[in-house]
Amino acid sequence: MVAISQSGPRDQATAWRLVEPRIGFLLVPKFSMLELFCAIEPLRIANRLGGLGFSWSFISTDGAAVAASNDIPVAASQSLEATRDLPILFVMASFEPEATIRRGDQAKLRDLARHGTLLGGIDTGPFILARAGLLRDRRATMHWESLAAFGEEFPDIATSANVFELDRDRLTCPGGTAPIDMMLHLIGLRGGEKLANAVAEQIVHPRIRPGHDPQRMVPAQRYQTDHPVVLQAIELMEEHLDEPIAVGDLAQRCGLSQRQLERLFGAHLGITAKAFYVRLRLDRARQLLTESRQPIGEIAVATGFASRAHFTRAYRAAYGVAPGSWRQRATQ
């Protein structure tokens, strides 16, 4: 088998043309049906329009059907252990990505990698690859809500918030509709840009996003404001969630007094700068509680709270429930 190279577009195209177009999808319980369809449909249409001969199979750890997050079961054609000589395998996971993955499954993924399989991870699939030691010296991306938790668990693995990342023999994307762009990229490498554009037209996808595109809206869109100072302050807040900057110092960095900054936030966002900053930190804490295994005390520190008790009070005030209860509900 030939793995796709990251060394340059020409090398990538050459390698992808040589790879046999068989793709496996390892379905992890509670995977996203939307993401599976977004990955498969471009391939189906590419076969119809360009005769590329893509084929795909569904794999589970035990060969049994797997229920998606919407509770619809999808039949698997084989078990992971029985998988052999597969050019490409995508690990499809969403909620609780590692709950059903055993050490034997990790060992099998490592074995496939040794034998030349290009391994991919969709949504939270990179957690499984990382736990198996398969993202060392690779750059990866995943759903933006999971990036903070991933960074806390795997600080030595480079990540991005891009639409997809292709780093040699690893290919990751954040889920949602991003698999469409990832597959269109692969279709373009194999069948040419004209075919990729034709497939995009068929699925009413007017713009093929390159891998380096951000997966999230820019802050101006996200918070519905175009005021440059407010956006500058938000950017500083997002960069300092673990060690918060005093609002007075934040205002000074933006060239304003604290009173002026608070007035701007009130006028443009309907909330004080201080309250907005706390909300950002609590949102990050909620992501870590849901996606990571970190103890609650460590999450409090990672989001800039002086103590677990302080964090618990703030969390309960914002969400009406203590952090531990939130985590318990999220993992049921």
Protein backbone atom coordinates (compact mmCIF):
# COMPACT_ATOMS: atom_id res chain seq x y z
CA MET A 1 0.00 0.00 0.00
CA VAL A 2 1.00 3.60 -0.55
CA ALA A 3 0.23 6.19 2.10
CA ILE A 4 -0.64 9.74 1.13
CA SER A 5 2.31 12.06 1.61
CA GLN A 6 2.17 15.53 3.11
CA SER A 7 5.32 16.64 1.28
CA GLY A 8 3.52 18.42 -1.49
CA PRO A 9 0.37 18.47 -3.67
CA ARG A 10 2.08 16.58 -6.51
CA ASP A 11 3.32 13.83 -4.19
CA GLN A 12 -0.10 13.62 -2.55
CA ALA A 13 -1.83 13.26 -5.90
CA THR A 14 0.58 10.57 -7.08
CA ALA A 15 0.19 8.55 -3.89
CA TRP A 16 -3.60 8.84 -3.79
CA ARG A 17 -3.92 7.60 -7.39
CA LEU A 18 -1.94 4.51 -6.43
CA VAL A 19 -4.00 3.67 -3.38
CA GLU A 20 -6.72 1.10 -3.96
CA PRO A 21 -9.98 3.01 -3.31
CA ARG A 22 -11.33 0.74 -0.54
CA ILE A 23 -12.26 2.59 2.62
CA GLY A 24 -13.31 1.17 5.97
CA PHE A 25 -15.27 2.99 8.66
CA LEU A 26 -14.79 1.72 12.22
CA LEU A 27 -18.09 2.63 13.86
CA VAL A 28 -17.84 3.38 17.56
CA PRO A 29 -21.14 3.39 19.55
CA LYS A 30 -22.88 6.78 19.47
CA PHE A 31 -21.06 7.83 16.29
CA SER A 32 -22.76 10.57 14.25
CA MET A 33 -24.95 9.37 11.39
CA LEU A 34 -24.66 12.82 9.79
CA GLU A 35 -20.88 12.50 9.63
CA LEU A 36 -21.04 9.01 8.15
CA PHE A 37 -23.36 10.18 5.37
CA CYS A 38 -21.18 13.24 4.74
CA ALA A 39 -18.20 10.94 4.27
CA ILE A 40 -19.93 8.38 2.03
CA GLU A 41 -22.15 10.42 -0.28
CA PRO A 42 -19.31 12.30 -2.04
CA LEU A 43 -17.68 8.93 -2.78
CA ARG A 44 -20.91 7.49 -4.18
CA ILE A 45 -21.42 10.49 -6.45
CA ALA A 46 -17.77 10.43 -7.54
CA ASN A 47 -18.29 6.83 -8.64
CA ARG A 48 -21.35 7.82 -10.65
CA LEU A 49 -19.77 10.85 -12.29
CA GLY A 50 -16.19 9.72 -12.63
CA GLY A 51 -16.15 5.93 -12.36
CA LEU A 52 -13.49 6.00 -9.64
CA GLY A 53 -14.48 2.68 -8.14
CA PHE A 54 -14.67 3.70 -4.49
CA SER A 55 -15.98 1.04 -2.15
CA TRP A 56 -16.59 1.20 1.56
CA SER A 57 -17.37 -1.14 4.42
CA PHE A 58 -18.59 -0.74 7.98
CA ILE A 59 -16.54 -2.32 10.73
CA SER A 60 -17.20 -2.70 14.45
CA THR A 61 -14.98 -3.96 17.22
CA ASP A 62 -16.96 -7.21 17.48
CA GLY A 63 -18.61 -7.43 14.06
CA ALA A 64 -22.06 -6.64 15.45
CA ALA A 65 -24.33 -3.75 14.48
CA VAL A 66 -23.55 -0.38 16.05
CA ALA A 67 -26.13 2.19 17.17
CA ALA A 68 -25.47 5.78 16.15
CA SER A 69 -26.13 8.73 18.43
CA ASN A 70 -29.69 8.83 17.06
CA ASP A 71 -30.14 5.16 18.12
CA ILE A 72 -30.35 3.89 14.52
CA PRO A 73 -28.32 0.66 14.24
CA VAL A 74 -25.91 0.18 11.34
CA ALA A 75 -24.86 -3.34 10.39
CA ALA A 76 -21.15 -4.08 10.27
CA SER A 77 -19.69 -6.35 7.61
CA GLN A 78 -16.81 -7.56 9.77
CA SER A 79 -14.99 -7.15 13.06
CA LEU A 80 -11.92 -5.01 13.52
CA GLU A 81 -9.84 -8.08 14.33
CA ALA A 82 -10.81 -9.70 11.00
CA THR A 83 -9.79 -6.61 9.01
CA ARG A 84 -6.85 -7.16 6.68
CA ASP A 85 -5.09 -5.26 3.90
CA LEU A 86 -7.31 -2.18 4.12
CA PRO A 87 -5.85 0.90 2.41
CA ILE A 88 -7.78 3.46 4.48
CA LEU A 89 -9.64 3.17 7.79
CA PHE A 90 -11.53 6.01 9.45
CA VAL A 91 -12.37 5.76 13.15
CA MET A 92 -15.82 7.30 13.55
CA ALA A 93 -16.64 8.39 17.08
CA SER A 94 -18.63 11.12 18.76
CA PHE A 95 -19.85 10.83 22.36
CA GLU A 96 -17.74 8.78 24.78
CA PRO A 97 -15.20 7.81 22.13
CA GLU A 98 -13.15 5.46 24.29
CA ALA A 99 -15.88 3.79 26.32
CA THR A 100 -15.94 0.58 24.28
CA ILE A 101 -12.38 0.52 22.88
CA ARG A 102 -10.25 -2.23 24.41
CA ARG A 103 -6.49 -2.70 24.47
CA GLY A 104 -6.83 -5.39 21.84
CA ASP A 105 -8.56 -2.89 19.54
CA GLN A 106 -5.72 -0.43 20.04
CA ALA A 107 -3.19 -3.15 19.23
CA LYS A 108 -5.10 -4.00 16.04
CA LEU A 109 -5.05 -0.36 14.93
CA ARG A 110 -1.29 -0.29 15.49
CA ASP A 111 -0.95 -3.47 13.47
CA LEU A 112 -2.91 -1.97 10.58
CA ALA A 113 -0.71 1.13 10.71
CA ARG A 114 2.45 -1.02 10.57
CA HIS A 115 1.10 -2.72 7.46
CA GLY A 116 0.50 0.58 5.64
CA THR A 117 -3.12 1.46 6.36
CA LEU A 118 -3.79 5.19 6.27
CA LEU A 119 -5.64 5.85 9.52
CA GLY A 120 -8.17 8.62 9.92
CA GLY A 121 -10.22 9.99 12.77
CA ILE A 122 -13.55 11.79 12.44
CA ASP A 123 -15.04 13.98 15.20
CA THR A 124 -13.58 12.46 18.41
CA GLY A 125 -11.93 9.56 16.58
CA PRO A 126 -8.50 11.15 17.17
CA PHE A 127 -8.86 10.36 20.90
CA ILE A 128 -8.82 6.66 20.02
CA LEU A 129 -5.86 7.04 17.68
CA ALA A 130 -3.94 9.07 20.25
CA ARG A 131 -4.60 6.58 23.05
CA ALA A 132 -3.19 3.86 20.80
CA GLY A 133 -0.04 5.94 20.24
CA LEU A 134 -0.87 6.55 16.59
CA LEU A 135 -0.71 10.34 16.50
CA ARG A 136 2.86 10.78 17.72
CA ASP A 137 4.67 13.36 15.58
CA ARG A 138 1.45 14.01 13.66
CA ARG A 139 -0.78 17.06 13.51
CA ALA A 140 -4.48 16.39 14.11
CA THR A 141 -7.80 18.16 14.32
CA MET A 142 -11.15 17.26 15.82
CA HIS A 143 -14.43 18.90 16.80
CA TRP A 144 -13.71 22.30 18.31
CA GLU A 145 -15.56 21.40 21.52
CA SER A 146 -13.11 18.55 22.10
CA LEU A 147 -9.87 20.40 21.39
CA ALA A 148 -9.37 21.66 24.94
CA ALA A 149 -9.95 18.22 26.47
CA PHE A 150 -7.66 16.59 23.92
CA GLY A 151 -4.93 19.14 24.63
CA GLU A 152 -5.13 18.46 28.36
CA GLU A 153 -4.86 14.68 27.85
CA PHE A 154 -2.34 14.69 25.02
CA PRO A 155 -0.26 17.87 25.40
CA ASP A 156 2.54 16.56 23.17
CA ILE A 157 0.32 16.11 20.10
CA ALA A 158 0.02 19.13 17.81
CA THR A 159 -3.57 20.12 17.05
CA SER A 160 -5.43 22.69 14.98
CA ALA A 161 -9.00 23.92 14.68
CA ASN A 162 -8.95 23.40 10.91
CA VAL A 163 -11.52 21.70 8.68
CA PHE A 164 -9.20 18.73 8.20
CA GLU A 165 -5.57 17.78 8.68
CA LEU A 166 -3.61 15.47 6.39
CA ASP A 167 -0.25 14.62 7.91
CA ARG A 168 1.47 11.84 6.00
CA ASP A 169 -0.47 8.67 6.92
CA ARG A 170 -2.99 10.29 9.27
CA LEU A 171 -6.12 12.15 8.20
CA THR A 172 -8.40 13.79 10.75
CA CYS A 173 -11.42 16.08 10.64
CA PRO A 174 -13.85 17.56 13.18
CA GLY A 175 -17.05 15.91 11.99
CA GLY A 176 -20.24 17.81 11.26
CA THR A 177 -20.14 18.60 7.54
CA ALA A 178 -16.33 18.70 7.43
CA PRO A 179 -16.11 15.11 6.08
CA ILE A 180 -17.63 16.46 2.85
CA ASP A 181 -14.67 18.79 2.35
CA MET A 182 -12.19 16.11 3.37
CA MET A 183 -13.61 13.59 0.90
CA LEU A 184 -13.85 16.19 -1.87
CA HIS A 185 -10.15 16.85 -1.30
CA LEU A 186 -9.36 13.15 -1.69
CA ILE A 187 -11.61 12.91 -4.75
CA GLY A 188 -9.76 15.86 -6.25
CA LEU A 189 -6.41 14.19 -5.64
CA ARG A 190 -7.59 10.97 -7.26
CA GLY A 191 -9.89 12.22 -10.03
CA GLY A 192 -8.97 15.85 -10.49
CA GLU A 193 -10.36 19.22 -9.44
CA LYS A 194 -13.03 19.21 -12.14
CA LEU A 195 -14.57 16.01 -10.76
CA ALA A 196 -14.40 17.28 -7.17
CA ASN A 197 -16.23 20.44 -8.22
CA ALA A 198 -18.86 18.40 -10.07
CA VAL A 199 -19.49 16.29 -6.96
CA ALA A 200 -19.75 19.45 -4.84
CA GLU A 201 -22.33 20.85 -7.28
CA GLN A 202 -24.40 17.68 -7.01
CA ILE A 203 -24.66 17.95 -3.23
CA VAL A 204 -25.22 21.73 -3.34
CA HIS A 205 -21.92 22.42 -1.60
CA PRO A 206 -20.97 25.70 -3.27
CA ARG A 207 -17.52 26.08 -1.75
CA ILE A 208 -15.01 23.33 -1.14
CA ARG A 209 -13.17 24.36 2.01
CA PRO A 210 -9.43 23.68 2.00
CA GLY A 211 -7.98 21.86 4.98
CA HIS A 212 -6.55 25.01 6.53
CA ASP A 213 -9.96 26.72 6.75
CA PRO A 214 -11.14 27.24 10.34
CA GLN A 215 -14.02 25.03 11.44
CA ARG A 216 -15.64 27.71 13.58
CA MET A 217 -17.15 31.03 12.66
CA VAL A 218 -14.93 34.04 13.25
CA PRO A 219 -15.75 35.86 16.53
CA ALA A 220 -17.50 38.67 14.64
CA GLN A 221 -20.03 36.17 13.31
CA ARG A 222 -20.20 34.11 16.49
CA TYR A 223 -20.98 37.06 18.74
CA GLN A 224 -22.75 39.24 16.18
CA THR A 225 -20.54 42.28 16.64
CA ASP A 226 -18.01 44.03 14.45
CA HIS A 227 -16.63 46.44 17.04
CA PRO A 228 -12.83 46.05 16.81
CA VAL A 229 -12.12 46.69 20.50
CA VAL A 230 -14.76 44.23 21.69
CA LEU A 231 -13.34 41.62 19.32
CA GLN A 232 -9.80 42.36 20.51
CA ALA A 233 -10.89 41.91 24.13
CA ILE A 234 -12.65 38.61 23.32
CA GLU A 235 -9.53 37.34 21.57
CA LEU A 236 -7.43 38.15 24.64
CA MET A 237 -9.96 36.42 26.89
CA GLU A 238 -9.96 33.27 24.75
CA GLU A 239 -6.15 33.20 24.86
CA HIS A 240 -6.10 33.41 28.65
CA LEU A 241 -8.80 31.08 29.96
CA ASP A 242 -6.48 29.21 32.31
CA GLU A 243 -4.87 32.33 33.78
CA PRO A 244 -7.49 35.09 33.51
CA ILE A 245 -6.42 38.68 33.03
CA ALA A 246 -8.02 41.24 35.34
CA VAL A 247 -10.64 43.22 33.44
CA GLY A 248 -8.79 46.44 34.24
CA ASP A 249 -5.59 45.06 32.69
CA LEU A 250 -7.60 43.74 29.76
CA ALA A 251 -9.03 47.20 29.16
CA GLN A 252 -5.56 48.74 29.36
CA ARG A 253 -4.28 46.34 26.70
CA CYS A 254 -7.15 47.47 24.49
CA GLY A 255 -6.31 51.13 25.07
CA LEU A 256 -9.38 51.87 27.20
CA SER A 257 -10.39 52.38 30.80
CA GLN A 258 -12.23 49.57 32.53
CA ARG A 259 -15.42 51.65 32.57
CA GLN A 260 -15.19 52.24 28.81
CA LEU A 261 -14.67 48.54 28.10
CA GLU A 262 -17.62 47.57 30.29
CA ARG A 263 -19.81 50.10 28.46
CA LEU A 264 -18.79 48.66 25.09
CA PHE A 265 -19.61 45.10 26.17
CA GLY A 266 -22.96 46.23 27.53
CA ALA A 267 -23.81 48.10 24.34
CA HIS A 268 -22.69 45.41 21.88
CA LEU A 269 -23.21 42.13 23.76
CA GLY A 270 -25.68 43.01 26.50
CA ILE A 271 -23.38 41.68 29.24
CA THR A 272 -20.50 43.02 31.29
CA ALA A 273 -16.97 42.17 30.23
CA LYS A 274 -16.38 40.42 33.55
CA ALA A 275 -19.49 38.24 33.21
CA PHE A 276 -18.66 37.46 29.58
CA TYR A 277 -15.16 36.34 30.58
CA VAL A 278 -16.53 34.06 33.29
CA ARG A 279 -18.98 32.58 30.80
CA LEU A 280 -16.15 31.76 28.39
CA ARG A 281 -14.24 30.00 31.15
CA LEU A 282 -17.30 28.05 32.27
CA ASP A 283 -18.00 27.00 28.67
CA ARG A 284 -14.45 25.64 28.49
CA ALA A 285 -14.99 23.85 31.81
CA ARG A 286 -18.20 22.29 30.47
CA GLN A 287 -16.29 20.97 27.45
CA LEU A 288 -13.61 19.48 29.70
CA LEU A 289 -16.18 17.86 31.98
CA THR A 290 -17.92 16.29 29.00
CA GLU A 291 -14.96 15.28 26.86
CA SER A 292 -12.07 14.59 29.26
CA ARG A 293 -11.27 12.36 32.20
CA GLN A 294 -9.65 15.14 34.21
CA PRO A 295 -10.58 15.43 37.88
CA ILE A 296 -12.88 18.32 38.65
CA GLY A 297 -10.21 20.07 40.74
CA GLU A 298 -7.83 20.06 37.76
CA ILE A 299 -10.57 21.41 35.49
CA ALA A 300 -11.11 24.25 37.96
CA VAL A 301 -7.42 25.16 37.72
CA ALA A 302 -7.38 24.77 33.92
CA THR A 303 -10.18 27.32 33.61
CA GLY A 304 -8.75 29.89 35.98
CA PHE A 305 -10.71 29.30 39.19
CA ALA A 306 -8.92 29.71 42.51
CA SER A 307 -10.43 26.58 44.07
CA ARG A 308 -12.80 23.73 43.38
CA ALA A 309 -15.35 25.33 45.71
CA HIS A 310 -15.20 28.64 43.79
CA PHE A 311 -15.56 26.76 40.52
CA THR A 312 -18.52 24.72 41.79
CA ARG A 313 -20.39 27.84 42.94
CA ALA A 314 -19.86 29.59 39.60
CA TYR A 315 -20.81 26.48 37.64
CA ARG A 316 -23.99 25.90 39.61
CA ALA A 317 -24.97 29.55 39.22
CA ALA A 318 -24.51 29.35 35.43
CA TYR A 319 -25.97 25.90 34.69
CA GLY A 320 -28.15 25.13 37.71
CA VAL A 321 -26.20 21.98 38.56
CA ALA A 322 -22.86 21.10 40.18
CA PRO A 323 -19.96 20.08 37.89
CA GLY A 324 -19.99 16.48 39.12
CA SER A 325 -23.70 16.10 38.42
CA TRP A 326 -23.23 17.63 34.97
CA ARG A 327 -20.50 15.13 34.15
CA GLN A 328 -22.62 12.22 35.37
CA ARG A 329 -25.55 13.27 33.17
CA ALA A 330 -23.33 13.88 30.14
CA THR A 331 -21.85 10.37 30.27
CA GLN A 332 -25.10 8.45 30.81
